PDB file of N, CA and C in Angstrom:
ATOM      1  N   MET A   1     -23.015 -66.613  38.210  1.00  0.00           N
ATOM      2  CA  MET A   1     -23.301 -65.501  38.427  1.00  0.00           C
ATOM      3  C   MET A   1     -22.009 -64.769  38.982  1.00  0.00           C
ATOM      4  N   LYS A   2     -22.079 -63.547  39.177  1.00  0.00           N
ATOM      5  CA  LYS A   2     -20.799 -62.926  38.739  1.00  0.00           C
ATOM      6  C   LYS A   2     -20.702 -61.987  40.129  1.00  0.00           C
ATOM      7  N   GLU A   3     -19.406 -61.702  40.603  1.00  0.00           N
ATOM      8  CA  GLU A   3     -19.565 -61.177  41.844  1.00  0.00           C
ATOM      9  C   GLU A   3     -18.942 -60.086  41.851  1.00  0.00           C
ATOM     10  N   ILE A   4     -18.897 -59.039  42.645  1.00  0.00           N
ATOM     11  CA  ILE A   4     -17.815 -57.779  43.046  1.00  0.00           C
ATOM     12  C   ILE A   4     -17.213 -57.739  44.412  1.00  0.00           C
ATOM     13  N   THR A   5     -16.198 -57.638  44.548  1.00  0.00           N
ATOM     14  CA  THR A   5     -16.371 -57.057  45.969  1.00  0.00           C
ATOM     15  C   THR A   5     -15.902 -55.348  46.599  1.00  0.00           C
ATOM     16  N   VAL A   6     -16.184 -55.989  48.054  1.00  0.00           N
ATOM     17  CA  VAL A   6     -16.665 -54.312  48.469  1.00  0.00           C
ATOM     18  C   VAL A   6     -15.319 -53.412  48.295  1.00  0.00           C
ATOM     19  N   THR A   7     -14.174 -53.916  47.992  1.00  0.00           N
ATOM     20  CA  THR A   7     -13.092 -53.107  47.496  1.00  0.00           C
ATOM     21  C   THR A   7     -12.969 -52.481  46.221  1.00  0.00           C
ATOM     22  N   GLU A   8     -13.329 -53.696  45.212  1.00  0.00           N
ATOM     23  CA  GLU A   8     -13.991 -53.403  44.139  1.00  0.00           C
ATOM     24  C   GLU A   8     -14.738 -52.029  44.128  1.00  0.00           C
ATOM     25  N   LEU A   9     -16.183 -52.527  44.482  1.00  0.00           N
ATOM     26  CA  LEU A   9     -16.922 -51.417  44.926  1.00  0.00           C
ATOM     27  C   LEU A   9     -16.880 -50.340  45.349  1.00  0.00           C
ATOM     28  N   LYS A  10     -16.049 -50.263  46.452  1.00  0.00           N
ATOM     29  CA  LYS A  10     -15.378 -48.982  46.613  1.00  0.00           C
ATOM     30  C   LYS A  10     -14.633 -48.193  45.576  1.00  0.00           C
ATOM     31  N   LYS A  11     -13.676 -48.793  45.072  1.00  0.00           N
ATOM     32  CA  LYS A  11     -12.460 -47.967  44.255  1.00  0.00           C
ATOM     33  C   LYS A  11     -13.727 -47.401  42.992  1.00  0.00           C
ATOM     34  N   LEU A  12     -14.943 -48.245  42.885  1.00  0.00           N
ATOM     35  CA  LEU A  12     -16.268 -47.485  41.890  1.00  0.00           C
ATOM     36  C   LEU A  12     -16.479 -46.360  42.008  1.00  0.00           C
ATOM     37  N   LYS A  13     -17.266 -46.530  43.622  1.00  0.00           N
ATOM     38  CA  LYS A  13     -17.834 -45.435  44.235  1.00  0.00           C
ATOM     39  C   LYS A  13     -16.485 -44.426  44.559  1.00  0.00           C
ATOM     40  N   ASP A  14     -15.739 -44.633  44.451  1.00  0.00           N
ATOM     41  CA  ASP A  14     -14.461 -43.135  44.721  1.00  0.00           C
ATOM     42  C   ASP A  14     -13.946 -43.069  42.976  1.00  0.00           C
ATOM     43  N   SER A  15     -14.461 -43.539  42.062  1.00  0.00           N
ATOM     44  CA  SER A  15     -13.800 -43.103  40.741  1.00  0.00           C
ATOM     45  C   SER A  15     -15.045 -42.224  40.105  1.00  0.00           C
ATOM     46  N   ASN A  16     -16.203 -42.423  40.733  1.00  0.00           N
ATOM     47  CA  ASN A  16     -17.610 -42.053  40.473  1.00  0.00           C
ATOM     48  C   ASN A  16     -17.855 -42.752  39.092  1.00  0.00           C
ATOM     49  N   ALA A  17     -17.574 -43.477  39.436  1.00  0.00           N
ATOM     50  CA  ALA A  17     -18.083 -44.660  37.772  1.00  0.00           C
ATOM     51  C   ALA A  17     -19.674 -44.549  37.789  1.00  0.00           C
ATOM     52  N   ASP A  18     -19.846 -44.688  36.690  1.00  0.00           N
ATOM     53  CA  ASP A  18     -21.773 -45.267  35.978  1.00  0.00           C
ATOM     54  C   ASP A  18     -22.050 -46.502  36.549  1.00  0.00           C
ATOM     55  N   PHE A  19     -22.839 -46.639  37.559  1.00  0.00           N
ATOM     56  CA  PHE A  19     -22.963 -47.615  37.955  1.00  0.00           C
ATOM     57  C   PHE A  19     -24.316 -47.857  39.110  1.00  0.00           C
ATOM     58  N   GLN A  20     -24.889 -49.091  38.762  1.00  0.00           N
ATOM     59  CA  GLN A  20     -26.550 -48.558  39.278  1.00  0.00           C
ATOM     60  C   GLN A  20     -25.728 -49.637  40.644  1.00  0.00           C
ATOM     61  N   LEU A  21     -26.463 -49.437  42.284  1.00  0.00           N
ATOM     62  CA  LEU A  21     -26.744 -49.927  43.076  1.00  0.00           C
ATOM     63  C   LEU A  21     -27.754 -50.159  43.978  1.00  0.00           C
ATOM     64  N   ILE A  22     -27.858 -52.051  44.269  1.00  0.00           N
ATOM     65  CA  ILE A  22     -29.514 -52.113  44.909  1.00  0.00           C
ATOM     66  C   ILE A  22     -29.029 -52.912  45.702  1.00  0.00           C
ATOM     67  N   ASP A  23     -30.165 -52.100  46.479  1.00  0.00           N
ATOM     68  CA  ASP A  23     -29.850 -52.641  48.173  1.00  0.00           C
ATOM     69  C   ASP A  23     -31.180 -53.760  48.340  1.00  0.00           C
ATOM     70  N   VAL A  24     -31.604 -54.963  48.446  1.00  0.00           N
ATOM     71  CA  VAL A  24     -32.623 -55.495  48.309  1.00  0.00           C
ATOM     72  C   VAL A  24     -33.069 -56.308  50.012  1.00  0.00           C
ATOM     73  N   ARG A  25     -32.229 -55.401  51.470  1.00  0.00           N
ATOM     74  CA  ARG A  25     -32.719 -55.551  52.185  1.00  0.00           C
ATOM     75  C   ARG A  25     -34.405 -55.072  52.747  1.00  0.00           C
ATOM     76  N   GLU A  26     -34.600 -55.651  53.618  1.00  0.00           N
ATOM     77  CA  GLU A  26     -36.118 -54.896  54.217  1.00  0.00           C
ATOM     78  C   GLU A  26     -35.686 -53.375  54.205  1.00  0.00           C
ATOM     79  N   GLN A  27     -36.988 -52.490  54.912  1.00  0.00           N
ATOM     80  CA  GLN A  27     -36.288 -51.392  54.872  1.00  0.00           C
ATOM     81  C   GLN A  27     -36.138 -51.069  56.314  1.00  0.00           C
ATOM     82  N   HIS A  28     -36.283 -52.017  57.291  1.00  0.00           N
ATOM     83  CA  HIS A  28     -36.001 -51.755  58.904  1.00  0.00           C
ATOM     84  C   HIS A  28     -33.973 -51.764  58.986  1.00  0.00           C
ATOM     85  N   GLU A  29     -33.966 -52.248  57.633  1.00  0.00           N
ATOM     86  CA  GLU A  29     -32.433 -52.889  58.196  1.00  0.00           C
ATOM     87  C   GLU A  29     -31.620 -51.617  57.218  1.00  0.00           C
ATOM     88  N   VAL A  30     -32.483 -51.263  56.206  1.00  0.00           N
ATOM     89  CA  VAL A  30     -31.723 -49.855  55.469  1.00  0.00           C
ATOM     90  C   VAL A  30     -31.918 -48.372  56.349  1.00  0.00           C
ATOM     91  N   ASP A  31     -33.037 -48.859  57.002  1.00  0.00           N
ATOM     92  CA  ASP A  31     -33.127 -47.497  58.052  1.00  0.00           C
ATOM     93  C   ASP A  31     -31.870 -47.301  59.022  1.00  0.00           C
ATOM     94  N   SER A  32     -31.528 -48.891  59.697  1.00  0.00           N
ATOM     95  CA  SER A  32     -30.486 -48.424  60.469  1.00  0.00           C
ATOM     96  C   SER A  32     -29.112 -48.896  59.878  1.00  0.00           C
ATOM     97  N   CYS A  33     -28.600 -48.727  58.495  1.00  0.00           N
ATOM     98  CA  CYS A  33     -27.581 -49.329  57.966  1.00  0.00           C
ATOM     99  C   CYS A  33     -27.472 -48.935  56.220  1.00  0.00           C
ATOM    100  N   ALA A  34     -26.936 -48.265  55.976  1.00  0.00           N
ATOM    101  CA  ALA A  34     -26.895 -48.214  54.149  1.00  0.00           C
ATOM    102  C   ALA A  34     -25.623 -47.611  54.030  1.00  0.00           C
ATOM    103  N   ILE A  35     -25.059 -48.106  52.718  1.00  0.00           N
ATOM    104  CA  ILE A  35     -23.972 -47.854  51.998  1.00  0.00           C
ATOM    105  C   ILE A  35     -24.329 -47.142  50.531  1.00  0.00           C
ATOM    106  N   GLY A  36     -25.801 -46.508  50.356  1.00  0.00           N
ATOM    107  CA  GLY A  36     -26.302 -45.607  49.270  1.00  0.00           C
ATOM    108  C   GLY A  36     -27.147 -46.834  48.220  1.00  0.00           C
ATOM    109  N   GLY A  37     -27.310 -46.261  47.354  1.00  0.00           N
ATOM    110  CA  GLY A  37     -27.751 -47.203  45.791  1.00  0.00           C
ATOM    111  C   GLY A  37     -29.295 -46.820  46.467  1.00  0.00           C
ATOM    112  N   GLU A  38     -30.208 -47.832  45.170  1.00  0.00           N
ATOM    113  CA  GLU A  38     -31.294 -47.066  45.573  1.00  0.00           C
ATOM    114  C   GLU A  38     -32.072 -49.025  46.175  1.00  0.00           C
ATOM    115  N   HIS A  39     -32.873 -48.257  47.272  1.00  0.00           N
ATOM    116  CA  HIS A  39     -34.063 -49.839  47.700  1.00  0.00           C
ATOM    117  C   HIS A  39     -35.319 -50.213  46.867  1.00  0.00           C
ATOM    118  N   ILE A  40     -34.811 -51.276  46.369  1.00  0.00           N
ATOM    119  CA  ILE A  40     -35.743 -52.256  46.295  1.00  0.00           C
ATOM    120  C   ILE A  40     -36.011 -53.611  46.957  1.00  0.00           C
ATOM    121  N   PRO A  41     -36.548 -53.548  47.933  1.00  0.00           N
ATOM    122  CA  PRO A  41     -37.028 -55.067  48.745  1.00  0.00           C
ATOM    123  C   PRO A  41     -36.924 -56.049  47.742  1.00  0.00           C
ATOM    124  N   MET A  42     -36.124 -56.928  48.368  1.00  0.00           N
ATOM    125  CA  MET A  42     -36.248 -58.672  47.468  1.00  0.00           C
ATOM    126  C   MET A  42     -37.272 -59.033  47.153  1.00  0.00           C
ATOM    127  N   GLY A  43     -38.681 -58.745  47.810  1.00  0.00           N
ATOM    128  CA  GLY A  43     -39.765 -59.054  47.365  1.00  0.00           C
ATOM    129  C   GLY A  43     -40.353 -58.425  46.418  1.00  0.00           C
ATOM    130  N   GLU A  44     -39.891 -57.656  45.776  1.00  0.00           N
ATOM    131  CA  GLU A  44     -40.815 -56.411  44.962  1.00  0.00           C
ATOM    132  C   GLU A  44     -39.367 -56.051  43.655  1.00  0.00           C
ATOM    133  N   VAL A  45     -38.584 -57.432  43.654  1.00  0.00           N
ATOM    134  CA  VAL A  45     -37.816 -56.407  42.660  1.00  0.00           C
ATOM    135  C   VAL A  45     -37.965 -57.000  41.341  1.00  0.00           C
ATOM    136  N   MET A  46     -38.550 -58.348  41.164  1.00  0.00           N
ATOM    137  CA  MET A  46     -39.354 -58.870  39.890  1.00  0.00           C
ATOM    138  C   MET A  46     -40.089 -58.327  39.430  1.00  0.00           C
ATOM    139  N   ASP A  47     -41.177 -57.323  40.547  1.00  0.00           N
ATOM    140  CA  ASP A  47     -42.367 -55.918  40.006  1.00  0.00           C
ATOM    141  C   ASP A  47     -41.293 -54.831  39.552  1.00  0.00           C
ATOM    142  N   ASN A  48     -40.549 -54.967  39.661  1.00  0.00           N
ATOM    143  CA  ASN A  48     -39.976 -53.686  39.428  1.00  0.00           C
ATOM    144  C   ASN A  48     -38.446 -53.523  38.507  1.00  0.00           C
ATOM    145  N   LEU A  49     -38.645 -54.628  37.305  1.00  0.00           N
ATOM    146  CA  LEU A  49     -37.348 -54.547  36.505  1.00  0.00           C
ATOM    147  C   LEU A  49     -37.472 -53.611  35.913  1.00  0.00           C
ATOM    148  N   ASN A  50     -38.295 -52.559  35.475  1.00  0.00           N
ATOM    149  CA  ASN A  50     -38.446 -51.333  34.825  1.00  0.00           C
ATOM    150  C   ASN A  50     -37.304 -50.507  35.136  1.00  0.00           C
ATOM    151  N   LYS A  51     -37.219 -50.431  37.164  1.00  0.00           N
ATOM    152  CA  LYS A  51     -36.110 -49.663  37.572  1.00  0.00           C
ATOM    153  C   LYS A  51     -34.948 -49.857  37.463  1.00  0.00           C
ATOM    154  N   ILE A  52     -34.359 -51.481  36.667  1.00  0.00           N
ATOM    155  CA  ILE A  52     -32.853 -51.701  37.091  1.00  0.00           C
ATOM    156  C   ILE A  52     -32.348 -51.651  35.461  1.00  0.00           C
ATOM    157  N   SER A  53     -31.405 -51.260  35.698  1.00  0.00           N
ATOM    158  CA  SER A  53     -30.855 -50.556  34.160  1.00  0.00           C
ATOM    159  C   SER A  53     -29.915 -51.765  33.269  1.00  0.00           C
ATOM    160  N   LYS A  54     -30.248 -51.742  32.384  1.00  0.00           N
ATOM    161  CA  LYS A  54     -29.657 -53.143  31.289  1.00  0.00           C
ATOM    162  C   LYS A  54     -28.306 -52.430  30.599  1.00  0.00           C
ATOM    163  N   ASP A  55     -28.189 -50.941  30.826  1.00  0.00           N
ATOM    164  CA  ASP A  55     -27.002 -50.253  30.020  1.00  0.00           C
ATOM    165  C   ASP A  55     -26.045 -50.335  30.821  1.00  0.00           C
ATOM    166  N   LYS A  56     -25.645 -50.191  31.982  1.00  0.00           N
ATOM    167  CA  LYS A  56     -24.647 -50.167  32.996  1.00  0.00           C
ATOM    168  C   LYS A  56     -23.942 -51.079  33.891  1.00  0.00           C
ATOM    169  N   GLN A  57     -23.111 -51.252  34.693  1.00  0.00           N
ATOM    170  CA  GLN A  57     -22.973 -52.720  35.533  1.00  0.00           C
ATOM    171  C   GLN A  57     -24.060 -52.291  36.768  1.00  0.00           C
ATOM    172  N   VAL A  58     -24.945 -53.214  37.350  1.00  0.00           N
ATOM    173  CA  VAL A  58     -25.916 -53.326  38.161  1.00  0.00           C
ATOM    174  C   VAL A  58     -25.287 -54.314  39.498  1.00  0.00           C
ATOM    175  N   ILE A  59     -25.144 -53.602  40.720  1.00  0.00           N
ATOM    176  CA  ILE A  59     -24.203 -54.175  41.754  1.00  0.00           C
ATOM    177  C   ILE A  59     -25.558 -54.605  42.820  1.00  0.00           C
ATOM    178  N   VAL A  60     -26.161 -55.678  43.697  1.00  0.00           N
ATOM    179  CA  VAL A  60     -27.291 -56.243  44.155  1.00  0.00           C
ATOM    180  C   VAL A  60     -26.279 -56.597  45.379  1.00  0.00           C
ATOM    181  N   HIS A  61     -26.877 -56.109  46.488  1.00  0.00           N
ATOM    182  CA  HIS A  61     -26.258 -55.953  48.024  1.00  0.00           C
ATOM    183  C   HIS A  61     -27.634 -56.270  48.487  1.00  0.00           C
ATOM    184  N   CYS A  62     -27.330 -57.107  49.683  1.00  0.00           N
ATOM    185  CA  CYS A  62     -27.889 -57.283  51.111  1.00  0.00           C
ATOM    186  C   CYS A  62     -26.930 -57.005  52.375  1.00  0.00           C
ATOM    187  N   LYS A  63     -27.277 -58.005  53.305  1.00  0.00           N
ATOM    188  CA  LYS A  63     -26.636 -58.238  54.446  1.00  0.00           C
ATOM    189  C   LYS A  63     -25.713 -58.683  54.180  1.00  0.00           C
ATOM    190  N   MET A  64     -25.507 -60.512  53.689  1.00  0.00           N
ATOM    191  CA  MET A  64     -24.073 -61.168  53.691  1.00  0.00           C
ATOM    192  C   MET A  64     -24.350 -61.638  52.410  1.00  0.00           C
ATOM    193  N   GLY A  65     -25.124 -61.149  51.709  1.00  0.00           N
ATOM    194  CA  GLY A  65     -24.580 -61.858  50.185  1.00  0.00           C
ATOM    195  C   GLY A  65     -25.573 -62.729  49.432  1.00  0.00           C
ATOM    196  N   GLY A  66     -26.677 -63.786  50.411  1.00  0.00           N
ATOM    197  CA  GLY A  66     -27.720 -64.522  49.992  1.00  0.00           C
ATOM    198  C   GLY A  66     -28.429 -63.838  49.148  1.00  0.00           C
ATOM    199  N   ARG A  67     -29.383 -63.420  49.978  1.00  0.00           N
ATOM    200  CA  ARG A  67     -30.255 -62.868  49.926  1.00  0.00           C
ATOM    201  C   ARG A  67     -30.159 -61.780  47.758  1.00  0.00           C
ATOM    202  N   SER A  68     -29.188 -61.199  48.420  1.00  0.00           N
ATOM    203  CA  SER A  68     -28.530 -60.433  46.230  1.00  0.00           C
ATOM    204  C   SER A  68     -27.990 -61.473  45.544  1.00  0.00           C
ATOM    205  N   GLY A  69     -27.447 -62.322  46.207  1.00  0.00           N
ATOM    206  CA  GLY A  69     -26.834 -63.679  45.000  1.00  0.00           C
ATOM    207  C   GLY A  69     -28.664 -64.118  44.073  1.00  0.00           C
ATOM    208  N   ALA A  70     -29.346 -64.763  45.002  1.00  0.00           N
ATOM    209  CA  ALA A  70     -30.195 -65.060  44.877  1.00  0.00           C
ATOM    210  C   ALA A  70     -31.053 -64.201  43.553  1.00  0.00           C
ATOM    211  N   ILE A  71     -31.418 -62.629  44.215  1.00  0.00           N
ATOM    212  CA  ILE A  71     -31.852 -61.798  43.287  1.00  0.00           C
ATOM    213  C   ILE A  71     -31.046 -62.160  41.404  1.00  0.00           C
ATOM    214  N   CYS A  72     -29.908 -62.002  41.843  1.00  0.00           N
ATOM    215  CA  CYS A  72     -28.608 -62.194  40.568  1.00  0.00           C
ATOM    216  C   CYS A  72     -29.179 -63.088  40.342  1.00  0.00           C
ATOM    217  N   ASN A  73     -29.028 -63.982  40.367  1.00  0.00           N
ATOM    218  CA  ASN A  73     -29.883 -65.317  39.968  1.00  0.00           C
ATOM    219  C   ASN A  73     -30.923 -65.354  39.431  1.00  0.00           C
ATOM    220  N   ALA A  74     -32.169 -64.471  39.618  1.00  0.00           N
ATOM    221  CA  ALA A  74     -33.239 -64.582  39.047  1.00  0.00           C
ATOM    222  C   ALA A  74     -32.947 -63.075  37.763  1.00  0.00           C
ATOM    223  N   LEU A  75     -32.735 -62.138  38.154  1.00  0.00           N
ATOM    224  CA  LEU A  75     -32.273 -61.515  36.868  1.00  0.00           C
ATOM    225  C   LEU A  75     -31.466 -61.859  36.032  1.00  0.00           C
ATOM    226  N   GLU A  76     -30.393 -63.094  35.873  1.00  0.00           N
ATOM    227  CA  GLU A  76     -30.013 -63.637  34.810  1.00  0.00           C
ATOM    228  C   GLU A  76     -30.677 -64.236  34.278  1.00  0.00           C
ATOM    229  N   VAL A  77     -31.883 -64.773  34.199  1.00  0.00           N
ATOM    230  CA  VAL A  77     -33.257 -65.796  33.503  1.00  0.00           C
ATOM    231  C   VAL A  77     -33.854 -64.991  33.270  1.00  0.00           C
ATOM    232  N   ALA A  78     -33.924 -63.792  33.837  1.00  0.00           N
ATOM    233  CA  ALA A  78     -34.945 -62.379  32.912  1.00  0.00           C
ATOM    234  C   ALA A  78     -33.965 -61.852  32.292  1.00  0.00           C
ATOM    235  N   GLY A  79     -33.005 -62.112  31.902  1.00  0.00           N
ATOM    236  CA  GLY A  79     -31.912 -61.753  30.420  1.00  0.00           C
ATOM    237  C   GLY A  79     -31.134 -60.404  30.771  1.00  0.00           C
ATOM    238  N   PHE A  80     -30.715 -60.724  32.163  1.00  0.00           N
ATOM    239  CA  PHE A  80     -30.307 -59.142  32.761  1.00  0.00           C
ATOM    240  C   PHE A  80     -28.406 -59.728  32.474  1.00  0.00           C
ATOM    241  N   THR A  81     -27.840 -59.373  31.752  1.00  0.00           N
ATOM    242  CA  THR A  81     -26.620 -59.551  31.906  1.00  0.00           C
ATOM    243  C   THR A  81     -25.106 -59.398  32.400  1.00  0.00           C
ATOM    244  N   ASN A  82     -25.788 -57.780  33.191  1.00  0.00           N
ATOM    245  CA  ASN A  82     -24.908 -56.888  33.850  1.00  0.00           C
ATOM    246  C   ASN A  82     -24.990 -56.609  35.307  1.00  0.00           C
ATOM    247  N   VAL A  83     -25.600 -57.395  35.726  1.00  0.00           N
ATOM    248  CA  VAL A  83     -25.263 -57.972  37.549  1.00  0.00           C
ATOM    249  C   VAL A  83     -24.519 -58.509  38.228  1.00  0.00           C
ATOM    250  N   TYR A  84     -24.467 -57.838  39.261  1.00  0.00           N
ATOM    251  CA  TYR A  84     -23.177 -58.487  39.759  1.00  0.00           C
ATOM    252  C   TYR A  84     -23.544 -58.259  41.080  1.00  0.00           C
ATOM    253  N   ASN A  85     -23.291 -59.650  41.755  1.00  0.00           N
ATOM    254  CA  ASN A  85     -23.267 -59.696  43.466  1.00  0.00           C
ATOM    255  C   ASN A  85     -22.318 -59.176  44.048  1.00  0.00           C
ATOM    256  N   LEU A  86     -22.553 -58.369  45.410  1.00  0.00           N
ATOM    257  CA  LEU A  86     -21.842 -57.976  46.225  1.00  0.00           C
ATOM    258  C   LEU A  86     -21.343 -58.945  47.099  1.00  0.00           C
ATOM    259  N   LYS A  87     -20.185 -59.709  47.259  1.00  0.00           N
ATOM    260  CA  LYS A  87     -19.770 -60.510  48.229  1.00  0.00           C
ATOM    261  C   LYS A  87     -19.974 -60.252  49.650  1.00  0.00           C
ATOM    262  N   GLY A  88     -20.033 -61.036  50.095  1.00  0.00           N
ATOM    263  CA  GLY A  88     -20.472 -60.956  51.643  1.00  0.00           C
ATOM    264  C   GLY A  88     -20.934 -59.542  52.336  1.00  0.00           C
ATOM    265  N   GLY A  89     -21.603 -59.137  51.576  1.00  0.00           N
ATOM    266  CA  GLY A  89     -22.763 -58.284  51.493  1.00  0.00           C
ATOM    267  C   GLY A  89     -21.982 -56.769  52.236  1.00  0.00           C
ATOM    268  N   ILE A  90     -23.243 -56.034  52.994  1.00  0.00           N
ATOM    269  CA  ILE A  90     -22.831 -54.929  54.068  1.00  0.00           C
ATOM    270  C   ILE A  90     -22.083 -55.024  55.079  1.00  0.00           C
ATOM    271  N   VAL A  91     -22.428 -56.752  55.629  1.00  0.00           N
ATOM    272  CA  VAL A  91     -21.542 -56.846  56.932  1.00  0.00           C
ATOM    273  C   VAL A  91     -19.970 -57.035  56.031  1.00  0.00           C
ATOM    274  N   ALA A  92     -19.387 -57.554  54.780  1.00  0.00           N
ATOM    275  CA  ALA A  92     -18.335 -57.088  54.320  1.00  0.00           C
ATOM    276  C   ALA A  92     -17.759 -55.966  54.186  1.00  0.00           C
ATOM    277  N   TRP A  93     -19.021 -55.163  54.207  1.00  0.00           N
ATOM    278  CA  TRP A  93     -18.654 -53.446  53.481  1.00  0.00           C
ATOM    279  C   TRP A  93     -17.984 -52.992  55.261  1.00  0.00           C
ATOM    280  N   ALA A  94     -18.724 -53.682  56.119  1.00  0.00           N
ATOM    281  CA  ALA A  94     -18.307 -52.940  57.573  1.00  0.00           C
ATOM    282  C   ALA A  94     -17.137 -53.260  57.869  1.00  0.00           C
ATOM    283  N   ASN A  95     -16.370 -54.346  57.595  1.00  0.00           N
ATOM    284  CA  ASN A  95     -15.495 -55.224  58.051  1.00  0.00           C
ATOM    285  C   ASN A  95     -14.023 -54.642  57.407  1.00  0.00           C
ATOM    286  N   GLU A  96     -14.483 -54.591  56.070  1.00  0.00           N
ATOM    287  CA  GLU A  96     -13.372 -53.768  55.221  1.00  0.00           C
ATOM    288  C   GLU A  96     -12.708 -52.555  54.846  1.00  0.00           C
ATOM    289  N   ILE A  97     -14.213 -52.367  54.787  1.00  0.00           N
ATOM    290  CA  ILE A  97     -14.304 -50.620  54.198  1.00  0.00           C
ATOM    291  C   ILE A  97     -14.343 -49.707  55.518  1.00  0.00           C
ATOM    292  N   ASN A  98     -15.900 -49.486  56.056  1.00  0.00           N
ATOM    293  CA  ASN A  98     -16.185 -48.598  57.119  1.00  0.00           C
ATOM    294  C   ASN A  98     -16.466 -49.480  58.622  1.00  0.00           C
ATOM    295  N   PRO A  99     -15.741 -49.733  59.417  1.00  0.00           N
ATOM    296  CA  PRO A  99     -15.830 -50.632  60.414  1.00  0.00           C
ATOM    297  C   PRO A  99     -16.618 -49.602  61.443  1.00  0.00           C
ATOM    298  N   SER A 100     -17.177 -47.993  61.230  1.00  0.00           N
ATOM    299  CA  SER A 100     -18.391 -47.267  62.083  1.00  0.00           C
ATOM    300  C   SER A 100     -19.552 -48.523  61.684  1.00  0.00           C
ATOM    301  N   LEU A 101     -19.735 -49.146  60.800  1.00  0.00           N
ATOM    302  CA  LEU A 101     -21.051 -49.482  60.397  1.00  0.00           C
ATOM    303  C   LEU A 101     -21.631 -50.595  61.011  1.00  0.00           C
ATOM    304  N   LYS A 102     -20.297 -51.498  61.604  1.00  0.00           N
ATOM    305  CA  LYS A 102     -20.376 -52.710  62.161  1.00  0.00           C
ATOM    306  C   LYS A 102     -21.819 -52.480  63.140  1.00  0.00           C
ATOM    307  N   SER A 103     -21.817 -51.944  64.443  1.00  0.00           N
ATOM    308  CA  SER A 103     -22.501 -51.921  65.242  1.00  0.00           C
ATOM    309  C   SER A 103     -24.084 -51.936  64.857  1.00  0.00           C
ATOM    310  N   LEU A 104     -24.257 -50.934  63.537  1.00  0.00           N
ATOM    311  CA  LEU A 104     -25.434 -50.708  63.245  1.00  0.00           C
ATOM    312  C   LEU A 104     -26.103 -51.658  62.497  1.00  0.00           C
ATOM    313  N   ILE A 105     -25.300 -52.562  61.783  1.00  0.00           N
ATOM    314  CA  ILE A 105     -25.680 -53.786  60.855  1.00  0.00           C
ATOM    315  C   ILE A 105     -26.815 -55.012  62.222  1.00  0.00           C
TER     316      ILE A 105
END
């Protein structure tokens, strides 16, 4: 499984790179704290493969990287070669990029 760090994700966001960010957390988690991207809950990802790009980098994230890692593995089995797990998830983003989110996670 390929991974990307939060620092690398921030660089992509800052440069307006063309990539897809997918949040696989549950709705209540997204409601309290989000970093953008498309919300497809973990349990719904495999039923929504048509919403996932095969043409650009796809970064999948969750709270700490476990659920998104499992989804990345499943997507690779389904034939995706362009998926990356956000290492450390939104917790790493809060710790390294935006500390104001820490209390919301």
